[in-house]
Amino acid sequence: MQWQQRTLMMLLLVGLPLAEAGAAPASASAYLVVTTQQGETLLDAPAPNGTSWCIQWKHSVEHFTVLDCYRNVGGIMQLERSHQPDFAAGLGHIVGRGEQVSDGQGGYWINAIDEPVPGNRYVLRVGAPAVNHQVVWPGGEHPDTSLSEHAAGQRVTIQLTAPSAHSISQ
């Protein structure tokens, strides 16, 4: 019984820093941060609860614009919706994952995906300038940021950080 209590205590202690670093309290402001593998910060912008942003790029084969849109929901980064003008290679709706609706222009939105991003972060291999991966802000909170302009061909980490993690990294 004693080893079970110790194991439980270790799991709780190990999990505590992850919970603190992964999610911001709903009442606190969070930050959207994009960094390169070398540690260069490409974007560091306040993203309080309810803020939305999208990663936008041109499809490398079909050359149309694709959007993956996220929202800060109580300190959790969630993939909210995605826009695709066509069912090109690698794109499409997965039954049971959101709701596909027409955009009225021959493309479609997948709305209500609402999937938390594990660990509030993911890695993206940034496309060439012609692909132009960029962070866009539908609400106009911040200027758009071209990731391809600064990190084409590189891996970047896109993350929603808690205020405490943000102040430590500064």
N, C-alpha and C. Protein backbone atom coordinates (compact mmCIF):
# COMPACT_ATOMS: atom_id res chain seq x y z
N MET A 1 0.82 -1.19 0.00
CA MET A 1 0.00 0.00 0.00
C MET A 1 0.87 1.26 0.00
N GLN A 2 1.98 1.23 0.73
CA GLN A 2 2.84 2.39 0.83
C GLN A 2 3.45 2.75 -0.53
N TRP A 3 3.86 1.75 -1.31
CA TRP A 3 4.44 2.03 -2.62
C TRP A 3 3.41 2.64 -3.56
N GLN A 4 2.12 2.27 -3.39
CA GLN A 4 1.07 2.84 -4.22
C GLN A 4 0.88 4.32 -3.89
N GLN A 5 0.93 4.66 -2.61
CA GLN A 5 0.80 6.05 -2.22
C GLN A 5 1.98 6.87 -2.73
N ARG A 6 3.20 6.29 -2.64
CA ARG A 6 4.39 6.99 -3.15
C ARG A 6 4.28 7.18 -4.66
N THR A 7 3.82 6.16 -5.37
CA THR A 7 3.67 6.27 -6.82
C THR A 7 2.66 7.35 -7.17
N LEU A 8 1.54 7.37 -6.48
CA LEU A 8 0.53 8.39 -6.73
C LEU A 8 1.09 9.77 -6.46
N MET A 9 1.82 9.92 -5.36
CA MET A 9 2.41 11.21 -5.01
C MET A 9 3.40 11.65 -6.08
N MET A 10 4.22 10.73 -6.59
CA MET A 10 5.18 11.06 -7.64
C MET A 10 4.46 11.51 -8.91
N LEU A 11 3.40 10.81 -9.27
CA LEU A 11 2.64 11.20 -10.45
C LEU A 11 2.05 12.59 -10.29
N LEU A 12 1.52 12.88 -9.12
CA LEU A 12 0.96 14.20 -8.88
C LEU A 12 2.03 15.27 -8.93
N LEU A 13 3.18 15.01 -8.35
CA LEU A 13 4.26 15.98 -8.35
C LEU A 13 4.82 16.19 -9.76
N VAL A 14 4.94 15.12 -10.52
CA VAL A 14 5.44 15.23 -11.88
C VAL A 14 4.44 15.97 -12.75
N GLY A 15 3.15 15.72 -12.56
CA GLY A 15 2.11 16.35 -13.37
C GLY A 15 1.89 17.81 -13.06
N LEU A 16 2.19 18.25 -11.85
CA LEU A 16 1.93 19.62 -11.44
C LEU A 16 2.64 20.65 -12.31
N PRO A 17 3.96 20.53 -12.56
CA PRO A 17 4.60 21.54 -13.41
C PRO A 17 4.04 21.53 -14.82
N LEU A 18 3.63 20.36 -15.33
CA LEU A 18 3.07 20.31 -16.68
C LEU A 18 1.77 21.08 -16.74
N ALA A 19 0.94 20.94 -15.73
CA ALA A 19 -0.32 21.65 -15.72
C ALA A 19 -0.09 23.15 -15.65
N GLU A 20 0.89 23.56 -14.83
CA GLU A 20 1.16 25.00 -14.72
C GLU A 20 1.70 25.56 -16.02
N ALA A 21 2.58 24.85 -16.70
CA ALA A 21 3.20 25.36 -17.92
C ALA A 21 2.26 25.25 -19.11
N GLY A 22 1.32 24.31 -19.09
CA GLY A 22 0.51 24.05 -20.27
C GLY A 22 -0.68 24.95 -20.45
N ALA A 23 -1.31 25.40 -19.39
CA ALA A 23 -2.56 26.13 -19.55
C ALA A 23 -2.59 27.36 -18.65
N ALA A 24 -3.10 28.42 -19.21
CA ALA A 24 -3.25 29.65 -18.46
C ALA A 24 -4.61 29.64 -17.76
N PRO A 25 -4.69 30.19 -16.55
CA PRO A 25 -6.00 30.31 -15.93
C PRO A 25 -6.90 31.17 -16.81
N ALA A 26 -8.19 30.87 -16.81
CA ALA A 26 -9.13 31.58 -17.67
C ALA A 26 -9.14 33.08 -17.40
N SER A 27 -8.86 33.50 -16.18
CA SER A 27 -8.91 34.91 -15.83
C SER A 27 -7.64 35.66 -16.23
N ALA A 28 -6.58 34.94 -16.55
CA ALA A 28 -5.31 35.58 -16.86
C ALA A 28 -5.11 35.67 -18.37
N SER A 29 -4.32 36.62 -18.78
CA SER A 29 -3.98 36.73 -20.19
C SER A 29 -2.97 35.65 -20.54
N ALA A 30 -3.07 35.15 -21.75
CA ALA A 30 -2.10 34.19 -22.26
C ALA A 30 -1.40 34.85 -23.43
N TYR A 31 -0.39 34.18 -23.97
CA TYR A 31 0.37 34.72 -25.08
C TYR A 31 0.50 33.66 -26.17
N LEU A 32 0.38 34.09 -27.41
CA LEU A 32 0.67 33.21 -28.53
C LEU A 32 2.13 33.48 -28.88
N VAL A 33 2.93 32.42 -28.82
CA VAL A 33 4.37 32.55 -29.02
C VAL A 33 4.79 31.57 -30.12
N VAL A 34 5.57 32.07 -31.07
CA VAL A 34 6.13 31.22 -32.12
C VAL A 34 7.64 31.36 -32.04
N THR A 35 8.34 30.22 -31.88
CA THR A 35 9.79 30.24 -31.78
C THR A 35 10.40 29.23 -32.76
N THR A 36 11.62 29.54 -33.21
CA THR A 36 12.35 28.62 -34.07
C THR A 36 13.07 27.59 -33.21
N GLN A 37 13.63 26.57 -33.85
CA GLN A 37 14.42 25.57 -33.12
C GLN A 37 15.62 26.21 -32.45
N GLN A 38 16.11 27.30 -33.01
CA GLN A 38 17.27 27.98 -32.44
C GLN A 38 16.89 28.91 -31.29
N GLY A 39 15.59 29.01 -31.00
CA GLY A 39 15.15 29.84 -29.88
C GLY A 39 14.78 31.26 -30.27
N GLU A 40 14.82 31.60 -31.55
CA GLU A 40 14.44 32.94 -31.98
C GLU A 40 12.92 33.08 -31.90
N THR A 41 12.45 34.16 -31.30
CA THR A 41 11.02 34.42 -31.18
C THR A 41 10.55 35.17 -32.42
N LEU A 42 9.61 34.56 -33.14
CA LEU A 42 9.05 35.19 -34.33
C LEU A 42 7.76 35.94 -34.01
N LEU A 43 7.08 35.50 -32.96
CA LEU A 43 5.83 36.15 -32.55
C LEU A 43 5.67 35.97 -31.06
N ASP A 44 5.27 37.01 -30.38
CA ASP A 44 4.99 36.99 -28.95
C ASP A 44 3.87 38.01 -28.74
N ALA A 45 2.62 37.52 -28.78
CA ALA A 45 1.48 38.44 -28.76
C ALA A 45 0.48 38.03 -27.69
N PRO A 46 -0.07 39.01 -26.97
CA PRO A 46 -1.12 38.67 -26.01
C PRO A 46 -2.29 37.99 -26.72
N ALA A 47 -2.81 36.94 -26.11
CA ALA A 47 -3.96 36.21 -26.66
C ALA A 47 -4.87 35.83 -25.49
N PRO A 48 -5.57 36.82 -24.92
CA PRO A 48 -6.42 36.53 -23.77
C PRO A 48 -7.55 35.56 -24.12
N ASN A 49 -8.19 35.05 -23.09
CA ASN A 49 -9.30 34.12 -23.26
C ASN A 49 -10.27 34.64 -24.31
N GLY A 50 -10.65 33.77 -25.25
CA GLY A 50 -11.59 34.13 -26.31
C GLY A 50 -10.94 34.61 -27.59
N THR A 51 -9.65 34.90 -27.56
CA THR A 51 -8.95 35.38 -28.75
C THR A 51 -8.82 34.27 -29.79
N SER A 52 -9.01 34.64 -31.06
CA SER A 52 -8.85 33.70 -32.18
C SER A 52 -7.70 34.13 -33.07
N TRP A 53 -7.04 33.15 -33.67
CA TRP A 53 -6.00 33.39 -34.66
C TRP A 53 -6.02 32.23 -35.63
N CYS A 54 -5.45 32.43 -36.80
CA CYS A 54 -5.40 31.37 -37.81
C CYS A 54 -3.98 31.23 -38.34
N ILE A 55 -3.65 30.01 -38.73
CA ILE A 55 -2.45 29.77 -39.52
C ILE A 55 -2.95 29.66 -40.95
N GLN A 56 -2.42 30.52 -41.80
CA GLN A 56 -2.86 30.61 -43.19
C GLN A 56 -1.69 30.28 -44.10
N TRP A 57 -1.96 29.56 -45.19
CA TRP A 57 -0.92 29.26 -46.16
C TRP A 57 -1.53 28.95 -47.50
N LYS A 58 -0.69 28.96 -48.51
CA LYS A 58 -1.09 28.57 -49.86
C LYS A 58 -0.74 27.09 -50.04
N HIS A 59 -1.72 26.32 -50.49
CA HIS A 59 -1.49 24.90 -50.75
C HIS A 59 -0.38 24.78 -51.79
N SER A 60 0.62 23.93 -51.52
CA SER A 60 1.82 23.88 -52.36
C SER A 60 1.56 23.33 -53.77
N VAL A 61 0.50 22.56 -53.96
CA VAL A 61 0.20 22.01 -55.29
C VAL A 61 -0.90 22.81 -55.98
N GLU A 62 -2.01 23.03 -55.28
CA GLU A 62 -3.17 23.69 -55.89
C GLU A 62 -3.11 25.21 -55.80
N HIS A 63 -2.25 25.73 -54.93
CA HIS A 63 -2.01 27.18 -54.78
C HIS A 63 -3.22 27.99 -54.32
N PHE A 64 -4.12 27.37 -53.57
CA PHE A 64 -5.20 28.14 -52.97
C PHE A 64 -4.91 28.32 -51.48
N THR A 65 -5.61 29.26 -50.86
CA THR A 65 -5.39 29.58 -49.46
C THR A 65 -6.13 28.60 -48.55
N VAL A 66 -5.43 28.12 -47.52
CA VAL A 66 -5.97 27.22 -46.51
C VAL A 66 -5.83 27.93 -45.16
N LEU A 67 -6.81 27.71 -44.28
CA LEU A 67 -6.77 28.30 -42.94
C LEU A 67 -7.07 27.23 -41.89
N ASP A 68 -6.27 27.19 -40.84
CA ASP A 68 -6.59 26.45 -39.62
C ASP A 68 -6.72 27.50 -38.53
N CYS A 69 -7.90 27.56 -37.91
CA CYS A 69 -8.17 28.63 -36.95
C CYS A 69 -8.30 28.07 -35.53
N TYR A 70 -7.68 28.79 -34.61
CA TYR A 70 -7.58 28.38 -33.22
C TYR A 70 -8.21 29.44 -32.34
N ARG A 71 -8.48 29.06 -31.09
CA ARG A 71 -9.02 29.99 -30.10
C ARG A 71 -8.46 29.63 -28.73
N ASN A 72 -8.22 30.65 -27.92
CA ASN A 72 -7.88 30.45 -26.51
C ASN A 72 -9.20 30.25 -25.77
N VAL A 73 -9.43 29.05 -25.28
CA VAL A 73 -10.63 28.72 -24.53
C VAL A 73 -10.21 28.40 -23.09
N GLY A 74 -10.28 29.41 -22.24
CA GLY A 74 -9.91 29.21 -20.84
C GLY A 74 -8.47 28.78 -20.65
N GLY A 75 -7.58 29.27 -21.50
CA GLY A 75 -6.16 28.93 -21.38
C GLY A 75 -5.76 27.69 -22.17
N ILE A 76 -6.70 27.12 -22.91
CA ILE A 76 -6.41 25.94 -23.72
C ILE A 76 -6.48 26.33 -25.19
N MET A 77 -5.44 26.00 -25.95
CA MET A 77 -5.46 26.23 -27.40
C MET A 77 -6.34 25.16 -28.04
N GLN A 78 -7.38 25.61 -28.74
CA GLN A 78 -8.26 24.67 -29.43
C GLN A 78 -8.29 24.95 -30.91
N LEU A 79 -8.21 23.87 -31.71
CA LEU A 79 -8.46 23.99 -33.15
C LEU A 79 -9.96 24.15 -33.28
N GLU A 80 -10.37 25.32 -33.74
CA GLU A 80 -11.79 25.68 -33.77
C GLU A 80 -12.43 25.33 -35.11
N ARG A 81 -11.75 25.69 -36.20
CA ARG A 81 -12.31 25.50 -37.53
C ARG A 81 -11.23 25.52 -38.58
N SER A 82 -11.57 25.06 -39.77
CA SER A 82 -10.60 25.00 -40.86
C SER A 82 -11.32 25.36 -42.16
N HIS A 83 -10.63 26.09 -43.03
CA HIS A 83 -11.20 26.46 -44.32
C HIS A 83 -10.35 25.89 -45.44
N GLN A 84 -11.02 25.22 -46.38
CA GLN A 84 -10.35 24.64 -47.53
C GLN A 84 -11.21 24.88 -48.76
N PRO A 85 -10.63 25.42 -49.80
CA PRO A 85 -11.41 25.70 -50.99
C PRO A 85 -11.68 24.47 -51.86
N ASP A 86 -11.14 23.30 -51.47
CA ASP A 86 -11.22 22.16 -52.35
C ASP A 86 -10.76 20.92 -51.58
N PHE A 87 -11.06 19.75 -52.10
CA PHE A 87 -10.62 18.50 -51.47
C PHE A 87 -9.29 18.06 -52.08
N ALA A 88 -8.28 18.89 -52.02
CA ALA A 88 -6.97 18.55 -52.58
C ALA A 88 -6.28 17.52 -51.70
N ALA A 89 -5.16 17.02 -52.19
CA ALA A 89 -4.39 16.01 -51.46
C ALA A 89 -4.10 16.48 -50.05
N GLY A 90 -4.42 15.62 -49.09
CA GLY A 90 -4.13 15.92 -47.69
C GLY A 90 -5.17 16.77 -47.00
N LEU A 91 -6.18 17.22 -47.72
CA LEU A 91 -7.21 18.05 -47.12
C LEU A 91 -8.54 17.31 -47.19
N GLY A 92 -9.44 17.68 -46.34
CA GLY A 92 -10.76 17.09 -46.38
C GLY A 92 -11.36 16.98 -45.01
N HIS A 93 -12.64 16.68 -44.99
CA HIS A 93 -13.40 16.56 -43.76
C HIS A 93 -13.39 15.11 -43.30
N ILE A 94 -13.21 14.90 -42.01
CA ILE A 94 -13.28 13.58 -41.41
C ILE A 94 -14.62 13.49 -40.69
N VAL A 95 -15.44 12.52 -41.07
CA VAL A 95 -16.76 12.36 -40.47
C VAL A 95 -16.63 12.26 -38.95
N GLY A 96 -17.47 13.01 -38.25
CA GLY A 96 -17.44 13.02 -36.78
C GLY A 96 -16.51 14.05 -36.20
N ARG A 97 -15.79 14.76 -37.04
CA ARG A 97 -14.85 15.79 -36.57
C ARG A 97 -15.31 17.14 -37.13
N GLY A 98 -16.15 17.81 -36.39
CA GLY A 98 -16.67 19.09 -36.84
C GLY A 98 -17.79 18.92 -37.84
N GLU A 99 -18.23 20.05 -38.38
CA GLU A 99 -19.34 20.08 -39.31
C GLU A 99 -18.91 20.80 -40.59
N GLN A 100 -19.03 20.13 -41.72
CA GLN A 100 -18.64 20.72 -42.99
C GLN A 100 -19.79 21.55 -43.55
N VAL A 101 -19.48 22.80 -43.90
CA VAL A 101 -20.48 23.69 -44.51
C VAL A 101 -19.84 24.42 -45.68
N SER A 102 -20.65 24.75 -46.65
CA SER A 102 -20.16 25.47 -47.83
C SER A 102 -19.74 26.88 -47.43
N ASP A 103 -18.71 27.38 -48.11
CA ASP A 103 -18.33 28.78 -47.89
C ASP A 103 -19.02 29.69 -48.90
N GLY A 104 -19.85 29.10 -49.78
CA GLY A 104 -20.59 29.87 -50.77
C GLY A 104 -19.77 30.24 -51.99
N GLN A 105 -18.50 29.80 -52.03
CA GLN A 105 -17.62 30.14 -53.15
C GLN A 105 -16.94 28.91 -53.72
N GLY A 106 -17.54 27.73 -53.49
CA GLY A 106 -16.97 26.50 -54.02
C GLY A 106 -16.07 25.76 -53.04
N GLY A 107 -15.75 26.39 -51.93
CA GLY A 107 -14.94 25.74 -50.90
C GLY A 107 -15.80 25.40 -49.71
N TYR A 108 -15.17 25.12 -48.59
CA TYR A 108 -15.95 24.75 -47.41
C TYR A 108 -15.18 25.08 -46.14
N TRP A 109 -15.95 25.25 -45.09
CA TRP A 109 -15.46 25.38 -43.73
C TRP A 109 -15.77 24.09 -42.99
N ILE A 110 -14.88 23.67 -42.15
CA ILE A 110 -15.18 22.63 -41.17
C ILE A 110 -15.26 23.38 -39.85
N ASN A 111 -16.47 23.58 -39.36
CA ASN A 111 -16.71 24.33 -38.13
C ASN A 111 -16.84 23.37 -36.95
N ALA A 112 -16.77 23.93 -35.76
CA ALA A 112 -17.02 23.19 -34.51
C ALA A 112 -16.11 21.97 -34.36
N ILE A 113 -14.85 22.11 -34.79
CA ILE A 113 -13.89 21.03 -34.54
C ILE A 113 -13.61 20.98 -33.04
N ASP A 114 -13.27 22.14 -32.49
CA ASP A 114 -13.11 22.32 -31.04
C ASP A 114 -12.25 21.25 -30.37
N GLU A 115 -11.10 20.95 -30.95
CA GLU A 115 -10.17 19.97 -30.39
C GLU A 115 -9.03 20.67 -29.67
N PRO A 116 -8.81 20.34 -28.40
CA PRO A 116 -7.66 20.90 -27.70
C PRO A 116 -6.36 20.44 -28.37
N VAL A 117 -5.41 21.34 -28.46
CA VAL A 117 -4.09 21.01 -28.99
C VAL A 117 -3.27 20.45 -27.83
N PRO A 118 -2.79 19.22 -27.93
CA PRO A 118 -2.04 18.60 -26.82
C PRO A 118 -0.88 19.49 -26.35
N GLY A 119 -0.85 19.75 -25.05
CA GLY A 119 0.24 20.54 -24.47
C GLY A 119 0.22 22.01 -24.87
N ASN A 120 -0.87 22.47 -25.51
CA ASN A 120 -0.98 23.87 -25.96
C ASN A 120 0.11 24.26 -26.94
N ARG A 121 0.66 23.27 -27.66
CA ARG A 121 1.73 23.59 -28.61
C ARG A 121 1.79 22.54 -29.70
N TYR A 122 2.30 22.96 -30.84
CA TYR A 122 2.60 22.01 -31.91
C TYR A 122 3.75 22.55 -32.74
N VAL A 123 4.34 21.64 -33.49
CA VAL A 123 5.47 22.00 -34.34
C VAL A 123 4.98 22.05 -35.78
N LEU A 124 5.44 23.06 -36.50
CA LEU A 124 5.09 23.27 -37.90
C LEU A 124 6.36 23.41 -38.71
N ARG A 125 6.46 22.69 -39.81
CA ARG A 125 7.55 22.92 -40.75
C ARG A 125 7.06 24.03 -41.68
N VAL A 126 7.71 25.17 -41.63
CA VAL A 126 7.29 26.37 -42.36
C VAL A 126 7.63 26.22 -43.83
N GLY A 127 6.67 26.54 -44.67
CA GLY A 127 6.85 26.46 -46.11
C GLY A 127 7.66 27.62 -46.67
N ALA A 128 8.00 27.48 -47.94
CA ALA A 128 8.75 28.50 -48.68
C ALA A 128 7.94 29.80 -48.77
N PRO A 129 8.58 30.89 -49.15
CA PRO A 129 7.84 32.15 -49.30
C PRO A 129 6.61 32.05 -50.21
N ALA A 130 6.65 31.21 -51.22
CA ALA A 130 5.48 31.04 -52.10
C ALA A 130 4.30 30.41 -51.34
N VAL A 131 4.59 29.59 -50.34
CA VAL A 131 3.55 28.97 -49.51
C VAL A 131 3.03 30.00 -48.50
N ASN A 132 3.93 30.81 -47.99
CA ASN A 132 3.65 31.90 -47.06
C ASN A 132 2.80 31.49 -45.85
N HIS A 133 3.35 30.58 -45.04
CA HIS A 133 2.72 30.30 -43.75
C HIS A 133 2.72 31.59 -42.96
N GLN A 134 1.58 31.96 -42.41
CA GLN A 134 1.51 33.16 -41.60
C GLN A 134 0.46 33.03 -40.51
N VAL A 135 0.65 33.82 -39.46
CA VAL A 135 -0.34 33.93 -38.40
C VAL A 135 -1.19 35.14 -38.73
N VAL A 136 -2.50 34.92 -38.83
CA VAL A 136 -3.43 36.02 -39.12
C VAL A 136 -4.43 36.12 -37.96
N TRP A 137 -4.87 37.32 -37.72
CA TRP A 137 -5.75 37.62 -36.59
C TRP A 137 -7.09 38.11 -37.14
N PRO A 138 -8.11 37.25 -37.19
CA PRO A 138 -9.41 37.65 -37.76
C PRO A 138 -10.02 38.87 -37.09
N GLY A 139 -9.76 39.05 -35.80
CA GLY A 139 -10.30 40.20 -35.08
C GLY A 139 -9.44 41.44 -35.21
N GLY A 140 -8.31 41.35 -35.91
CA GLY A 140 -7.43 42.49 -36.10
C GLY A 140 -6.66 42.91 -34.86
N GLU A 141 -6.54 42.01 -33.85
CA GLU A 141 -5.85 42.37 -32.61
C GLU A 141 -4.38 42.73 -32.83
N HIS A 142 -3.75 42.07 -33.80
CA HIS A 142 -2.32 42.26 -34.06
C HIS A 142 -2.09 42.23 -35.56
N PRO A 143 -0.96 42.76 -36.02
CA PRO A 143 -0.63 42.62 -37.44
C PRO A 143 -0.34 41.16 -37.78
N ASP A 144 -0.64 40.76 -39.01
CA ASP A 144 -0.32 39.41 -39.45
C ASP A 144 1.20 39.23 -39.46
N THR A 145 1.65 38.00 -39.22
CA THR A 145 3.08 37.70 -39.16
C THR A 145 3.40 36.58 -40.13
N SER A 146 4.24 36.87 -41.13
CA SER A 146 4.66 35.84 -42.07
C SER A 146 5.77 35.00 -41.44
N LEU A 147 5.49 33.72 -41.23
CA LEU A 147 6.50 32.81 -40.71
C LEU A 147 7.48 32.43 -41.81
N SER A 148 6.97 32.33 -43.04
CA SER A 148 7.83 31.95 -44.18
C SER A 148 8.89 33.01 -44.46
N GLU A 149 8.56 34.25 -44.20
CA GLU A 149 9.52 35.33 -44.42
C GLU A 149 10.74 35.19 -43.51
N HIS A 150 10.53 34.63 -42.32
CA HIS A 150 11.59 34.56 -41.32
C HIS A 150 12.15 33.17 -41.06
N ALA A 151 11.40 32.11 -41.46
CA ALA A 151 11.83 30.76 -41.08
C ALA A 151 11.48 29.70 -42.14
N ALA A 152 11.51 30.06 -43.40
CA ALA A 152 11.17 29.10 -44.46
C ALA A 152 12.04 27.85 -44.34
N GLY A 153 11.40 26.68 -44.42
CA GLY A 153 12.11 25.41 -44.36
C GLY A 153 12.50 24.97 -42.96
N GLN A 154 12.18 25.76 -41.95
CA GLN A 154 12.54 25.43 -40.57
C GLN A 154 11.32 24.93 -39.80
N ARG A 155 11.61 24.24 -38.71
CA ARG A 155 10.56 23.86 -37.77
C ARG A 155 10.38 24.99 -36.76
N VAL A 156 9.13 25.34 -36.51
CA VAL A 156 8.83 26.32 -35.46
C VAL A 156 7.83 25.69 -34.50
N THR A 157 7.84 26.19 -33.27
CA THR A 157 6.86 25.76 -32.27
C THR A 157 5.86 26.89 -32.10
N ILE A 158 4.59 26.55 -32.24
CA ILE A 158 3.50 27.49 -32.04
C ILE A 158 2.85 27.09 -30.73
N GLN A 159 2.78 28.02 -29.77
CA GLN A 159 2.24 27.64 -28.46
C GLN A 159 1.48 28.78 -27.80
N LEU A 160 0.52 28.38 -26.99
CA LEU A 160 -0.20 29.30 -26.13
C LEU A 160 0.40 29.13 -24.75
N THR A 161 0.97 30.21 -24.22
CA THR A 161 1.66 30.11 -22.93
C THR A 161 0.88 30.82 -21.83
N ALA A 162 1.05 30.30 -20.64
CA ALA A 162 0.46 30.93 -19.46
C ALA A 162 1.30 32.16 -19.10
N PRO A 163 0.70 33.13 -18.41
CA PRO A 163 1.46 34.32 -18.01
C PRO A 163 2.72 33.99 -17.23
N SER A 164 2.66 33.00 -16.32
CA SER A 164 3.83 32.67 -15.51
C SER A 164 4.94 32.10 -16.39
N ALA A 165 4.60 31.24 -17.37
CA ALA A 165 5.62 30.69 -18.27
C ALA A 165 6.16 31.78 -19.18
N HIS A 166 5.32 32.72 -19.56
CA HIS A 166 5.74 33.82 -20.43
C HIS A 166 6.75 34.70 -19.75
N SER A 167 6.50 35.05 -18.47
CA SER A 167 7.42 35.95 -17.76
C SER A 167 8.76 35.28 -17.52
N ILE A 168 8.77 33.94 -17.35
CA ILE A 168 10.02 33.22 -17.15
C ILE A 168 10.86 33.22 -18.43
N SER A 169 10.19 33.11 -19.59
CA SER A 169 10.92 33.01 -20.86
C SER A 169 11.42 34.36 -21.34
N GLN A 170 10.99 35.45 -20.73
CA GLN A 170 11.40 36.78 -21.19
C GLN A 170 12.76 37.16 -20.68
